[in-house]
Amino acid sequence: NHFSRMVKALILVLLLAAALGMKGVDVSTYVDTFSCLSNNGYRFAIPRGYCSYGAVDSNAQKNIDNANNAGMSFVDTYFFPCVRCGNPASQAQQFLNSVSGYNRVWLDIERYDWSGDQTSNRNFITTLANTLSNGGANIGIYTNYYNWQSIVGLDWTGMSQYPLWYAHYDGNPSFSDFRSFGGWSQPYMKQYKGSTTVCSAGVDLNYMEDQQFPQYSYLPTYIFCQ
């Protein structure tokens, strides 16, 4: 019957999604070709929302709006904090007051301008995350094994309640290379290739597995028709 065919079709699409995962891009410059990116199989976008020099990215809202209008399955943003500027709560509040329309904000924790004092770094990250979370934002952490080791220490698990987006430029859209650190036993997303060009846009390429998809808005809608 019709319902049985509909269920079988849905299962088939979900199994296909499980096998292939989902690819997306992150961007740090203005992009107006998200429709082209979507048509080329990139289903999510993560524009930069805050810059390492201590200001909201002037392209953040435009990129988020462009990606949403292009029909991306979901749109996140990332926050590159200014450590030397201090006052992480103020930086977080500035972002909250200026940027909207995203699913999650990823805190970019990589070796750039961090203190040599890991306790100080931990406190900075905690304040930043708490301020954003208390302001209503969903939080995630972007880093990798070596950045985390250098900045806060591999044994610090203070952010492990949040999903992990890790960087490893091996060109492999899978989690087969992942090793645990910081309290994370599995990742949420992987940045597997950096600084490439797709649809005339400078992008990094990312991968996530089916169980992590925030939504299935990219599934064919005919499955649900009566």
N, C-alpha and C. Protein backbone atom coordinates (compact mmCIF):
# COMPACT_ATOMS: atom_id res chain seq x y z
N ASN A 1 0.84 -1.20 0.00
CA ASN A 1 0.00 0.00 0.00
C ASN A 1 0.87 1.25 0.00
N HIS A 2 0.20 2.39 -0.08
CA HIS A 2 0.93 3.66 -0.20
C HIS A 2 1.79 3.94 1.03
N PHE A 3 1.23 3.68 2.23
CA PHE A 3 1.98 3.96 3.45
C PHE A 3 3.23 3.10 3.53
N SER A 4 3.11 1.83 3.15
CA SER A 4 4.24 0.92 3.18
C SER A 4 5.34 1.39 2.23
N ARG A 5 4.95 1.82 1.02
CA ARG A 5 5.94 2.33 0.06
C ARG A 5 6.62 3.58 0.59
N MET A 6 5.83 4.44 1.26
CA MET A 6 6.38 5.67 1.82
C MET A 6 7.42 5.36 2.89
N VAL A 7 7.11 4.39 3.77
CA VAL A 7 8.04 4.03 4.83
C VAL A 7 9.31 3.42 4.25
N LYS A 8 9.16 2.55 3.25
CA LYS A 8 10.33 1.94 2.63
C LYS A 8 11.21 2.99 1.95
N ALA A 9 10.58 3.96 1.32
CA ALA A 9 11.36 5.02 0.67
C ALA A 9 12.11 5.85 1.70
N LEU A 10 11.46 6.14 2.82
CA LEU A 10 12.12 6.92 3.87
C LEU A 10 13.31 6.16 4.44
N ILE A 11 13.11 4.85 4.69
CA ILE A 11 14.20 4.04 5.21
C ILE A 11 15.38 4.01 4.24
N LEU A 12 15.07 3.89 2.95
CA LEU A 12 16.12 3.87 1.94
C LEU A 12 16.93 5.15 1.95
N VAL A 13 16.25 6.29 2.05
CA VAL A 13 16.95 7.58 2.05
C VAL A 13 17.78 7.73 3.30
N LEU A 14 17.25 7.31 4.45
CA LEU A 14 18.01 7.41 5.70
C LEU A 14 19.23 6.51 5.67
N LEU A 15 19.10 5.31 5.10
CA LEU A 15 20.25 4.42 4.98
C LEU A 15 21.31 5.01 4.06
N LEU A 16 20.86 5.65 2.99
CA LEU A 16 21.80 6.32 2.09
C LEU A 16 22.52 7.45 2.81
N ALA A 17 21.78 8.22 3.61
CA ALA A 17 22.40 9.31 4.38
C ALA A 17 23.41 8.75 5.36
N ALA A 18 23.07 7.62 5.99
CA ALA A 18 23.99 7.01 6.95
C ALA A 18 25.29 6.59 6.27
N ALA A 19 25.17 6.08 5.04
CA ALA A 19 26.35 5.61 4.33
C ALA A 19 27.23 6.76 3.86
N LEU A 20 26.62 7.86 3.46
CA LEU A 20 27.35 8.95 2.83
C LEU A 20 27.72 10.06 3.81
N GLY A 21 26.97 10.22 4.89
CA GLY A 21 27.18 11.35 5.76
C GLY A 21 26.77 12.64 5.06
N MET A 22 27.16 13.75 5.63
CA MET A 22 26.82 15.05 5.07
C MET A 22 28.06 15.93 5.03
N LYS A 23 28.23 16.65 3.93
CA LYS A 23 29.35 17.57 3.78
C LYS A 23 28.86 19.02 3.81
N GLY A 24 29.74 19.89 4.29
CA GLY A 24 29.42 21.31 4.34
C GLY A 24 30.68 22.14 4.28
N VAL A 25 30.52 23.45 4.41
CA VAL A 25 31.65 24.37 4.30
C VAL A 25 31.65 25.35 5.47
N ASP A 26 32.83 25.84 5.81
CA ASP A 26 32.92 27.03 6.65
C ASP A 26 33.65 28.11 5.86
N VAL A 27 33.30 29.37 6.15
CA VAL A 27 33.83 30.49 5.36
C VAL A 27 34.21 31.64 6.26
N SER A 28 35.22 32.41 5.83
CA SER A 28 35.67 33.56 6.60
C SER A 28 35.61 34.85 5.79
N THR A 29 35.06 34.80 4.57
CA THR A 29 34.87 35.98 3.73
C THR A 29 33.44 36.00 3.23
N TYR A 30 33.05 37.08 2.59
CA TYR A 30 31.69 37.19 2.08
C TYR A 30 31.47 36.18 0.96
N VAL A 31 30.33 35.48 1.02
CA VAL A 31 29.99 34.47 0.02
C VAL A 31 28.55 34.67 -0.43
N ASP A 32 28.33 34.69 -1.74
CA ASP A 32 26.97 34.82 -2.26
C ASP A 32 26.64 33.67 -3.22
N THR A 33 27.39 32.56 -3.08
CA THR A 33 27.18 31.42 -3.97
C THR A 33 26.77 30.17 -3.19
N PHE A 34 26.03 30.35 -2.12
CA PHE A 34 25.61 29.19 -1.31
C PHE A 34 24.67 28.27 -2.09
N SER A 35 23.87 28.83 -3.00
CA SER A 35 23.01 27.98 -3.82
C SER A 35 23.84 27.04 -4.68
N CYS A 36 24.91 27.56 -5.26
CA CYS A 36 25.82 26.73 -6.04
C CYS A 36 26.47 25.66 -5.15
N LEU A 37 26.89 26.05 -3.95
CA LEU A 37 27.48 25.09 -3.02
C LEU A 37 26.49 23.98 -2.67
N SER A 38 25.25 24.37 -2.42
CA SER A 38 24.21 23.39 -2.11
C SER A 38 24.00 22.43 -3.29
N ASN A 39 23.97 22.99 -4.49
CA ASN A 39 23.77 22.16 -5.69
C ASN A 39 24.94 21.22 -5.94
N ASN A 40 26.10 21.55 -5.37
CA ASN A 40 27.28 20.70 -5.52
C ASN A 40 27.47 19.75 -4.34
N GLY A 41 26.44 19.61 -3.51
CA GLY A 41 26.45 18.59 -2.47
C GLY A 41 26.87 19.04 -1.10
N TYR A 42 27.10 20.34 -0.90
CA TYR A 42 27.47 20.85 0.42
C TYR A 42 26.21 21.34 1.11
N ARG A 43 25.81 20.66 2.18
CA ARG A 43 24.46 20.82 2.74
C ARG A 43 24.38 21.74 3.94
N PHE A 44 25.52 22.14 4.49
CA PHE A 44 25.48 23.07 5.62
C PHE A 44 26.60 24.09 5.49
N ALA A 45 26.43 25.21 6.18
CA ALA A 45 27.40 26.30 6.11
C ALA A 45 27.70 26.84 7.50
N ILE A 46 28.96 27.24 7.70
CA ILE A 46 29.39 27.80 8.98
C ILE A 46 30.21 29.06 8.72
N PRO A 47 29.57 30.21 8.55
CA PRO A 47 30.31 31.46 8.37
C PRO A 47 30.95 31.91 9.69
N ARG A 48 32.05 32.64 9.56
CA ARG A 48 32.67 33.24 10.75
C ARG A 48 31.74 34.31 11.32
N GLY A 49 31.60 34.29 12.63
CA GLY A 49 30.73 35.27 13.29
C GLY A 49 31.49 36.32 14.09
N TYR A 50 32.68 35.96 14.58
CA TYR A 50 33.46 36.89 15.40
C TYR A 50 34.93 36.70 15.04
N CYS A 51 35.67 37.83 15.00
CA CYS A 51 37.04 37.82 14.50
C CYS A 51 38.07 37.89 15.63
N SER A 52 39.25 37.37 15.37
CA SER A 52 40.31 37.27 16.38
C SER A 52 40.86 38.62 16.81
N TYR A 53 40.53 39.69 16.09
CA TYR A 53 40.98 41.03 16.50
C TYR A 53 39.98 41.71 17.43
N GLY A 54 38.86 41.03 17.73
CA GLY A 54 37.96 41.53 18.76
C GLY A 54 36.74 42.28 18.26
N ALA A 55 36.11 41.80 17.20
CA ALA A 55 34.91 42.45 16.67
C ALA A 55 34.06 41.42 15.93
N VAL A 56 32.76 41.70 15.89
CA VAL A 56 31.86 40.87 15.10
C VAL A 56 32.28 40.96 13.64
N ASP A 57 32.29 39.85 12.94
CA ASP A 57 32.62 39.83 11.52
C ASP A 57 31.57 40.64 10.76
N SER A 58 32.02 41.60 9.96
CA SER A 58 31.09 42.46 9.24
C SER A 58 30.27 41.70 8.20
N ASN A 59 30.74 40.52 7.81
CA ASN A 59 30.01 39.71 6.84
C ASN A 59 29.14 38.63 7.48
N ALA A 60 29.19 38.53 8.81
CA ALA A 60 28.54 37.41 9.50
C ALA A 60 27.05 37.32 9.17
N GLN A 61 26.32 38.38 9.41
CA GLN A 61 24.87 38.31 9.22
C GLN A 61 24.51 38.12 7.76
N LYS A 62 25.25 38.79 6.88
CA LYS A 62 24.96 38.63 5.43
C LYS A 62 25.20 37.19 4.99
N ASN A 63 26.29 36.59 5.46
CA ASN A 63 26.58 35.20 5.08
C ASN A 63 25.55 34.23 5.65
N ILE A 64 25.17 34.44 6.89
CA ILE A 64 24.16 33.58 7.51
C ILE A 64 22.84 33.69 6.75
N ASP A 65 22.45 34.90 6.44
CA ASP A 65 21.20 35.11 5.69
C ASP A 65 21.30 34.48 4.29
N ASN A 66 22.43 34.68 3.62
CA ASN A 66 22.61 34.10 2.29
C ASN A 66 22.51 32.58 2.32
N ALA A 67 23.14 31.97 3.33
CA ALA A 67 23.13 30.51 3.43
C ALA A 67 21.73 30.00 3.74
N ASN A 68 21.03 30.66 4.65
CA ASN A 68 19.65 30.26 4.96
C ASN A 68 18.75 30.42 3.74
N ASN A 69 18.90 31.52 3.03
CA ASN A 69 18.06 31.77 1.85
C ASN A 69 18.36 30.79 0.72
N ALA A 70 19.56 30.21 0.72
CA ALA A 70 19.93 29.24 -0.30
C ALA A 70 19.38 27.85 0.01
N GLY A 71 18.76 27.70 1.17
CA GLY A 71 18.15 26.42 1.51
C GLY A 71 19.10 25.40 2.12
N MET A 72 20.20 25.88 2.70
CA MET A 72 21.09 24.95 3.39
C MET A 72 20.31 24.21 4.48
N SER A 73 20.69 22.96 4.73
CA SER A 73 19.99 22.16 5.73
C SER A 73 20.10 22.78 7.12
N PHE A 74 21.24 23.35 7.42
CA PHE A 74 21.38 24.15 8.63
C PHE A 74 22.56 25.10 8.46
N VAL A 75 22.54 26.16 9.26
CA VAL A 75 23.58 27.18 9.22
C VAL A 75 24.08 27.42 10.64
N ASP A 76 25.35 27.21 10.87
CA ASP A 76 25.99 27.53 12.14
C ASP A 76 26.87 28.75 11.94
N THR A 77 27.62 29.12 12.97
CA THR A 77 28.60 30.18 12.86
C THR A 77 29.75 29.86 13.81
N TYR A 78 30.92 30.45 13.56
CA TYR A 78 32.03 30.20 14.50
C TYR A 78 32.57 31.50 15.06
N PHE A 79 33.09 31.40 16.27
CA PHE A 79 33.53 32.54 17.07
C PHE A 79 35.03 32.39 17.35
N PHE A 80 35.84 33.25 16.72
CA PHE A 80 37.29 33.24 16.92
C PHE A 80 37.59 34.34 17.95
N PRO A 81 37.80 33.99 19.21
CA PRO A 81 37.92 35.01 20.26
C PRO A 81 39.23 35.80 20.17
N CYS A 82 39.19 36.98 20.74
CA CYS A 82 40.39 37.81 20.87
C CYS A 82 40.90 37.66 22.29
N VAL A 83 41.89 36.82 22.48
CA VAL A 83 42.39 36.54 23.83
C VAL A 83 43.09 37.76 24.41
N ARG A 84 43.90 38.41 23.60
CA ARG A 84 44.65 39.57 24.09
C ARG A 84 43.74 40.74 24.46
N CYS A 85 42.52 40.76 23.91
CA CYS A 85 41.56 41.82 24.23
C CYS A 85 40.99 41.66 25.64
N GLY A 86 41.03 40.41 26.17
CA GLY A 86 40.45 40.16 27.48
C GLY A 86 38.93 40.25 27.45
N ASN A 87 38.33 40.17 28.62
CA ASN A 87 36.89 40.34 28.81
C ASN A 87 36.07 39.47 27.85
N PRO A 88 36.17 38.15 27.99
CA PRO A 88 35.41 37.27 27.10
C PRO A 88 33.90 37.44 27.20
N ALA A 89 33.41 37.82 28.38
CA ALA A 89 31.97 38.02 28.53
C ALA A 89 31.48 39.16 27.65
N SER A 90 32.27 40.23 27.57
CA SER A 90 31.90 41.36 26.72
C SER A 90 31.92 40.98 25.25
N GLN A 91 32.91 40.19 24.83
CA GLN A 91 32.98 39.74 23.45
C GLN A 91 31.76 38.89 23.10
N ALA A 92 31.42 37.99 24.01
CA ALA A 92 30.26 37.12 23.78
C ALA A 92 28.97 37.93 23.68
N GLN A 93 28.83 38.91 24.55
CA GLN A 93 27.61 39.73 24.53
C GLN A 93 27.52 40.57 23.27
N GLN A 94 28.65 41.07 22.82
CA GLN A 94 28.68 41.83 21.57
C GLN A 94 28.18 40.96 20.41
N PHE A 95 28.63 39.72 20.39
CA PHE A 95 28.19 38.78 19.36
C PHE A 95 26.69 38.52 19.48
N LEU A 96 26.23 38.22 20.68
CA LEU A 96 24.81 37.92 20.89
C LEU A 96 23.91 39.07 20.46
N ASN A 97 24.38 40.28 20.65
CA ASN A 97 23.59 41.47 20.30
C ASN A 97 23.56 41.74 18.80
N SER A 98 24.46 41.08 18.05
CA SER A 98 24.66 41.47 16.65
C SER A 98 24.31 40.41 15.62
N VAL A 99 24.31 39.14 16.03
CA VAL A 99 24.21 38.05 15.06
C VAL A 99 23.04 37.14 15.42
N SER A 100 22.27 36.73 14.41
CA SER A 100 21.12 35.85 14.63
C SER A 100 20.94 34.94 13.42
N GLY A 101 20.03 33.99 13.54
CA GLY A 101 19.68 33.13 12.42
C GLY A 101 20.56 31.90 12.25
N TYR A 102 21.36 31.57 13.27
CA TYR A 102 22.24 30.41 13.21
C TYR A 102 21.72 29.31 14.14
N ASN A 103 22.16 28.08 13.88
CA ASN A 103 21.77 26.94 14.70
C ASN A 103 22.68 26.79 15.92
N ARG A 104 23.97 26.94 15.71
CA ARG A 104 24.96 26.75 16.78
C ARG A 104 26.14 27.68 16.56
N VAL A 105 26.77 28.11 17.66
CA VAL A 105 28.00 28.89 17.56
C VAL A 105 29.16 28.04 18.08
N TRP A 106 30.18 27.91 17.25
CA TRP A 106 31.36 27.11 17.57
C TRP A 106 32.48 28.01 18.06
N LEU A 107 33.02 27.71 19.24
CA LEU A 107 34.15 28.47 19.78
C LEU A 107 35.44 27.93 19.15
N ASP A 108 36.14 28.79 18.46
CA ASP A 108 37.36 28.41 17.71
C ASP A 108 38.55 28.46 18.66
N ILE A 109 38.98 27.28 19.11
CA ILE A 109 40.08 27.19 20.06
C ILE A 109 41.28 26.59 19.34
N GLU A 110 42.11 27.45 18.79
CA GLU A 110 43.32 27.02 18.11
C GLU A 110 44.47 27.91 18.52
N ARG A 111 45.69 27.44 18.27
CA ARG A 111 46.87 28.15 18.77
C ARG A 111 47.06 29.47 18.05
N TYR A 112 46.61 30.53 18.73
CA TYR A 112 46.75 31.88 18.21
C TYR A 112 46.56 32.85 19.37
N ASP A 113 47.64 33.41 19.86
CA ASP A 113 47.58 34.47 20.87
C ASP A 113 47.16 34.00 22.26
N TRP A 114 47.14 32.70 22.52
CA TRP A 114 46.74 32.24 23.84
C TRP A 114 47.86 32.42 24.85
N SER A 115 47.48 32.56 26.11
CA SER A 115 48.43 32.67 27.20
C SER A 115 49.19 31.35 27.37
N GLY A 116 50.37 31.42 28.00
CA GLY A 116 51.09 30.21 28.36
C GLY A 116 50.54 29.57 29.62
N ASP A 117 49.59 30.24 30.25
CA ASP A 117 48.97 29.76 31.50
C ASP A 117 47.69 29.01 31.16
N GLN A 118 47.71 27.70 31.24
CA GLN A 118 46.55 26.91 30.85
C GLN A 118 45.34 27.16 31.74
N THR A 119 45.56 27.45 33.01
CA THR A 119 44.43 27.75 33.90
C THR A 119 43.72 29.02 33.46
N SER A 120 44.51 30.04 33.09
CA SER A 120 43.93 31.28 32.58
C SER A 120 43.15 31.02 31.30
N ASN A 121 43.68 30.21 30.43
CA ASN A 121 42.99 29.88 29.18
C ASN A 121 41.68 29.15 29.44
N ARG A 122 41.71 28.22 30.38
CA ARG A 122 40.50 27.49 30.74
C ARG A 122 39.42 28.44 31.24
N ASN A 123 39.83 29.37 32.08
CA ASN A 123 38.86 30.33 32.63
C ASN A 123 38.28 31.22 31.53
N PHE A 124 39.11 31.63 30.60
CA PHE A 124 38.65 32.47 29.48
C PHE A 124 37.60 31.72 28.67
N ILE A 125 37.89 30.48 28.31
CA ILE A 125 36.98 29.68 27.50
C ILE A 125 35.68 29.42 28.25
N THR A 126 35.78 29.12 29.55
CA THR A 126 34.59 28.85 30.36
C THR A 126 33.68 30.06 30.42
N THR A 127 34.26 31.23 30.63
CA THR A 127 33.46 32.47 30.68
C THR A 127 32.80 32.74 29.34
N LEU A 128 33.53 32.55 28.28
CA LEU A 128 33.00 32.76 26.93
C LEU A 128 31.82 31.82 26.68
N ALA A 129 32.02 30.54 26.96
CA ALA A 129 30.96 29.55 26.73
C ALA A 129 29.75 29.81 27.60
N ASN A 130 29.97 30.12 28.86
CA ASN A 130 28.84 30.34 29.77
C ASN A 130 28.02 31.57 29.37
N THR A 131 28.70 32.63 28.96
CA THR A 131 28.00 33.84 28.56
C THR A 131 27.14 33.59 27.32
N LEU A 132 27.71 32.90 26.34
CA LEU A 132 26.95 32.59 25.13
C LEU A 132 25.77 31.66 25.45
N SER A 133 26.04 30.64 26.25
CA SER A 133 24.98 29.68 26.60
C SER A 133 23.87 30.35 27.40
N ASN A 134 24.24 31.17 28.36
CA ASN A 134 23.24 31.88 29.17
C ASN A 134 22.45 32.88 28.33
N GLY A 135 23.05 33.32 27.22
CA GLY A 135 22.37 34.22 26.31
C GLY A 135 21.48 33.51 25.31
N GLY A 136 21.39 32.19 25.40
CA GLY A 136 20.48 31.43 24.56
C GLY A 136 21.10 30.73 23.38
N ALA A 137 22.44 30.80 23.24
CA ALA A 137 23.10 30.17 22.10
C ALA A 137 23.42 28.70 22.38
N ASN A 138 23.29 27.87 21.35
CA ASN A 138 23.82 26.51 21.41
C ASN A 138 25.32 26.58 21.16
N ILE A 139 26.09 25.82 21.94
CA ILE A 139 27.55 25.93 21.91
C ILE A 139 28.17 24.67 21.34
N GLY A 140 29.28 24.83 20.64
CA GLY A 140 30.14 23.73 20.24
C GLY A 140 31.58 24.19 20.31
N ILE A 141 32.52 23.24 20.27
CA ILE A 141 33.94 23.56 20.35
C ILE A 141 34.64 23.11 19.07
N TYR A 142 35.36 24.04 18.44
CA TYR A 142 36.21 23.73 17.29
C TYR A 142 37.67 23.72 17.77
N THR A 143 38.36 22.61 17.60
CA THR A 143 39.76 22.50 18.00
C THR A 143 40.30 21.19 17.43
N ASN A 144 41.48 20.78 17.88
CA ASN A 144 41.95 19.43 17.61
C ASN A 144 42.86 19.00 18.75
N TYR A 145 43.37 17.79 18.65
CA TYR A 145 44.15 17.19 19.73
C TYR A 145 45.31 18.08 20.15
N TYR A 146 46.08 18.58 19.19
CA TYR A 146 47.29 19.32 19.51
C TYR A 146 47.00 20.74 19.99
N ASN A 147 45.99 21.38 19.43
CA ASN A 147 45.61 22.69 19.92
C ASN A 147 45.13 22.60 21.37
N TRP A 148 44.30 21.61 21.64
CA TRP A 148 43.76 21.44 22.99
C TRP A 148 44.90 21.14 23.98
N GLN A 149 45.81 20.30 23.56
CA GLN A 149 46.96 19.95 24.40
C GLN A 149 47.77 21.19 24.77
N SER A 150 48.00 22.05 23.81
CA SER A 150 48.81 23.24 24.03
C SER A 150 48.10 24.30 24.85
N ILE A 151 46.81 24.51 24.58
CA ILE A 151 46.09 25.65 25.15
C ILE A 151 45.55 25.37 26.55
N VAL A 152 44.95 24.19 26.75
CA VAL A 152 44.31 23.90 28.05
C VAL A 152 44.75 22.58 28.66
N GLY A 153 45.44 21.72 27.91
CA GLY A 153 45.85 20.42 28.42
C GLY A 153 44.86 19.33 28.05
N LEU A 154 45.37 18.18 27.66
CA LEU A 154 44.51 17.10 27.20
C LEU A 154 43.58 16.57 28.28
N ASP A 155 43.96 16.77 29.54
CA ASP A 155 43.16 16.22 30.63
C ASP A 155 42.00 17.13 31.04
N TRP A 156 41.93 18.34 30.47
CA TRP A 156 40.83 19.24 30.85
C TRP A 156 39.56 18.85 30.11
N THR A 157 38.52 18.54 30.87
CA THR A 157 37.25 18.08 30.30
C THR A 157 36.14 19.11 30.48
N GLY A 158 36.51 20.34 30.73
CA GLY A 158 35.53 21.37 31.07
C GLY A 158 34.56 21.75 29.98
N MET A 159 34.84 21.35 28.74
CA MET A 159 33.94 21.66 27.63
C MET A 159 33.34 20.40 26.98
N SER A 160 33.58 19.24 27.58
CA SER A 160 33.19 17.99 26.94
C SER A 160 31.68 17.77 26.89
N GLN A 161 30.92 18.63 27.60
CA GLN A 161 29.46 18.54 27.50
C GLN A 161 28.94 19.12 26.18
N TYR A 162 29.82 19.80 25.46
CA TYR A 162 29.45 20.40 24.18
C TYR A 162 29.99 19.54 23.02
N PRO A 163 29.35 19.57 21.87
CA PRO A 163 29.84 18.79 20.73
C PRO A 163 31.18 19.30 20.23
N LEU A 164 31.94 18.38 19.65
CA LEU A 164 33.29 18.67 19.16
C LEU A 164 33.33 18.67 17.63
N TRP A 165 33.88 19.74 17.09
CA TRP A 165 34.22 19.84 15.67
C TRP A 165 35.75 19.88 15.62
N TYR A 166 36.37 18.85 15.08
CA TYR A 166 37.83 18.78 15.10
C TYR A 166 38.41 18.94 13.70
N ALA A 167 39.63 19.44 13.65
CA ALA A 167 40.32 19.69 12.38
C ALA A 167 41.42 18.67 12.17
N HIS A 168 41.41 18.04 11.01
CA HIS A 168 42.51 17.18 10.56
C HIS A 168 42.46 17.15 9.05
N TYR A 169 43.42 17.81 8.42
CA TYR A 169 43.39 17.98 6.96
C TYR A 169 43.99 16.77 6.25
N ASP A 170 43.29 15.65 6.35
CA ASP A 170 43.74 14.44 5.69
C ASP A 170 42.96 14.16 4.40
N GLY A 171 42.03 15.06 4.06
CA GLY A 171 41.24 14.88 2.85
C GLY A 171 40.25 13.74 2.92
N ASN A 172 40.03 13.20 4.11
CA ASN A 172 39.17 12.03 4.29
C ASN A 172 37.91 12.41 5.04
N PRO A 173 36.76 12.46 4.37
CA PRO A 173 35.51 12.79 5.06
C PRO A 173 34.97 11.61 5.86
N SER A 174 35.64 11.32 6.97
CA SER A 174 35.20 10.27 7.89
C SER A 174 35.84 10.56 9.25
N PHE A 175 35.39 9.82 10.27
CA PHE A 175 35.94 9.98 11.62
C PHE A 175 36.94 8.87 11.95
N SER A 176 37.43 8.15 10.95
CA SER A 176 38.29 6.99 11.20
C SER A 176 39.62 7.37 11.85
N ASP A 177 40.02 8.64 11.74
CA ASP A 177 41.30 9.10 12.28
C ASP A 177 41.19 9.64 13.70
N PHE A 178 39.99 9.75 14.23
CA PHE A 178 39.79 10.45 15.50
C PHE A 178 40.38 9.68 16.69
N ARG A 179 41.02 10.43 17.60
CA ARG A 179 41.43 9.86 18.88
C ARG A 179 40.95 10.77 19.99
N SER A 180 40.55 10.15 21.10
CA SER A 180 39.90 10.88 22.19
C SER A 180 40.85 11.86 22.86
N PHE A 181 40.27 12.95 23.33
CA PHE A 181 40.98 13.93 24.15
C PHE A 181 39.95 14.83 24.80
N GLY A 182 40.35 15.49 25.88
CA GLY A 182 39.52 16.50 26.51
C GLY A 182 38.15 16.02 26.98
N GLY A 183 37.98 14.72 27.15
CA GLY A 183 36.69 14.19 27.58
C GLY A 183 35.77 13.80 26.44
N TRP A 184 36.19 14.05 25.18
CA TRP A 184 35.38 13.66 24.02
C TRP A 184 35.78 12.26 23.55
N SER A 185 34.83 11.36 23.53
CA SER A 185 35.08 10.01 23.04
C SER A 185 34.68 9.86 21.58
N GLN A 186 33.88 10.80 21.10
CA GLN A 186 33.53 10.81 19.68
C GLN A 186 33.26 12.24 19.24
N PRO A 187 33.53 12.55 17.99
CA PRO A 187 33.32 13.92 17.49
C PRO A 187 31.92 14.10 16.94
N TYR A 188 31.59 15.34 16.70
CA TYR A 188 30.33 15.72 16.06
C TYR A 188 30.55 16.02 14.58
N MET A 189 31.72 16.62 14.30
CA MET A 189 31.99 17.07 12.94
C MET A 189 33.51 17.13 12.74
N LYS A 190 33.92 17.03 11.48
CA LYS A 190 35.35 17.08 11.14
C LYS A 190 35.59 18.08 10.01
N GLN A 191 36.60 18.90 10.18
CA GLN A 191 37.09 19.75 9.10
C GLN A 191 38.24 18.98 8.44
N TYR A 192 37.98 18.46 7.23
CA TYR A 192 38.93 17.53 6.63
C TYR A 192 39.78 18.13 5.52
N LYS A 193 39.45 19.33 5.06
CA LYS A 193 40.27 19.99 4.05
C LYS A 193 40.16 21.50 4.22
N GLY A 194 41.29 22.20 4.19
CA GLY A 194 41.28 23.63 4.39
C GLY A 194 41.65 24.41 3.13
N SER A 195 41.20 25.63 3.08
CA SER A 195 41.63 26.60 2.06
C SER A 195 41.53 26.06 0.64
N THR A 196 40.31 25.78 0.22
CA THR A 196 40.06 25.37 -1.15
C THR A 196 39.00 26.28 -1.75
N THR A 197 38.76 26.16 -3.04
CA THR A 197 37.79 27.01 -3.71
C THR A 197 36.71 26.14 -4.34
N VAL A 198 35.45 26.45 -4.02
CA VAL A 198 34.30 25.79 -4.61
C VAL A 198 33.28 26.88 -4.95
N CYS A 199 32.74 26.85 -6.15
CA CYS A 199 31.75 27.85 -6.57
C CYS A 199 32.27 29.28 -6.38
N SER A 200 33.54 29.48 -6.72
CA SER A 200 34.20 30.79 -6.63
C SER A 200 34.29 31.32 -5.20
N ALA A 201 34.10 30.45 -4.21
CA ALA A 201 34.17 30.86 -2.81
C ALA A 201 35.34 30.16 -2.13
N GLY A 202 36.08 30.89 -1.30
CA GLY A 202 37.12 30.30 -0.49
C GLY A 202 36.50 29.61 0.71
N VAL A 203 36.68 28.31 0.82
CA VAL A 203 36.00 27.53 1.86
C VAL A 203 36.96 26.51 2.47
N ASP A 204 36.59 26.03 3.66
CA ASP A 204 37.12 24.80 4.23
C ASP A 204 36.02 23.76 4.13
N LEU A 205 36.39 22.48 3.99
CA LEU A 205 35.41 21.42 3.81
C LEU A 205 35.24 20.62 5.09
N ASN A 206 33.99 20.25 5.38
CA ASN A 206 33.64 19.59 6.63
C ASN A 206 32.72 18.41 6.40
N TYR A 207 32.71 17.52 7.38
CA TYR A 207 31.93 16.29 7.29
C TYR A 207 31.27 16.00 8.64
N MET A 208 30.04 15.47 8.59
CA MET A 208 29.40 14.97 9.79
C MET A 208 28.61 13.72 9.45
N GLU A 209 28.43 12.85 10.44
CA GLU A 209 27.72 11.60 10.20
C GLU A 209 26.23 11.78 10.43
N ASP A 210 25.46 10.81 9.95
CA ASP A 210 24.02 10.96 9.91
C ASP A 210 23.39 11.21 11.26
N GLN A 211 23.89 10.56 12.33
CA GLN A 211 23.24 10.70 13.62
C GLN A 211 23.41 12.09 14.22
N GLN A 212 24.31 12.89 13.63
CA GLN A 212 24.56 14.23 14.14
C GLN A 212 23.73 15.30 13.42
N PHE A 213 23.02 14.93 12.35
CA PHE A 213 22.31 15.95 11.58
C PHE A 213 21.30 16.67 12.45
N PRO A 214 21.34 18.00 12.53
CA PRO A 214 20.32 18.74 13.29
C PRO A 214 18.92 18.54 12.74
N GLN A 215 18.81 18.33 11.43
CA GLN A 215 17.51 18.12 10.83
C GLN A 215 17.70 17.46 9.47
N TYR A 216 16.61 16.94 8.93
CA TYR A 216 16.67 16.29 7.63
C TYR A 216 15.92 17.10 6.59
N SER A 217 16.12 18.39 6.60
CA SER A 217 15.37 19.24 5.68
C SER A 217 15.75 19.02 4.23
N TYR A 218 16.88 18.33 3.98
CA TYR A 218 17.30 18.12 2.61
C TYR A 218 16.68 16.86 2.01
N LEU A 219 15.92 16.07 2.81
CA LEU A 219 15.33 14.86 2.26
C LEU A 219 14.25 15.19 1.26
N PRO A 220 14.08 14.35 0.25
CA PRO A 220 13.04 14.62 -0.76
C PRO A 220 11.67 14.70 -0.13
N THR A 221 10.97 15.80 -0.39
CA THR A 221 9.68 16.00 0.26
C THR A 221 8.59 15.11 -0.28
N TYR A 222 8.81 14.50 -1.47
CA TYR A 222 7.76 13.68 -2.02
C TYR A 222 7.49 12.45 -1.17
N ILE A 223 8.45 12.08 -0.34
CA ILE A 223 8.27 10.91 0.53
C ILE A 223 7.09 11.11 1.46
N PHE A 224 6.85 12.36 1.86
CA PHE A 224 5.85 12.62 2.86
C PHE A 224 4.50 13.00 2.26
N CYS A 225 4.40 12.99 0.94
CA CYS A 225 3.15 13.36 0.31
C CYS A 225 2.12 12.23 0.41
N GLN A 226 0.87 12.59 0.44
CA GLN A 226 -0.20 11.60 0.48
C GLN A 226 -0.67 11.29 -0.93
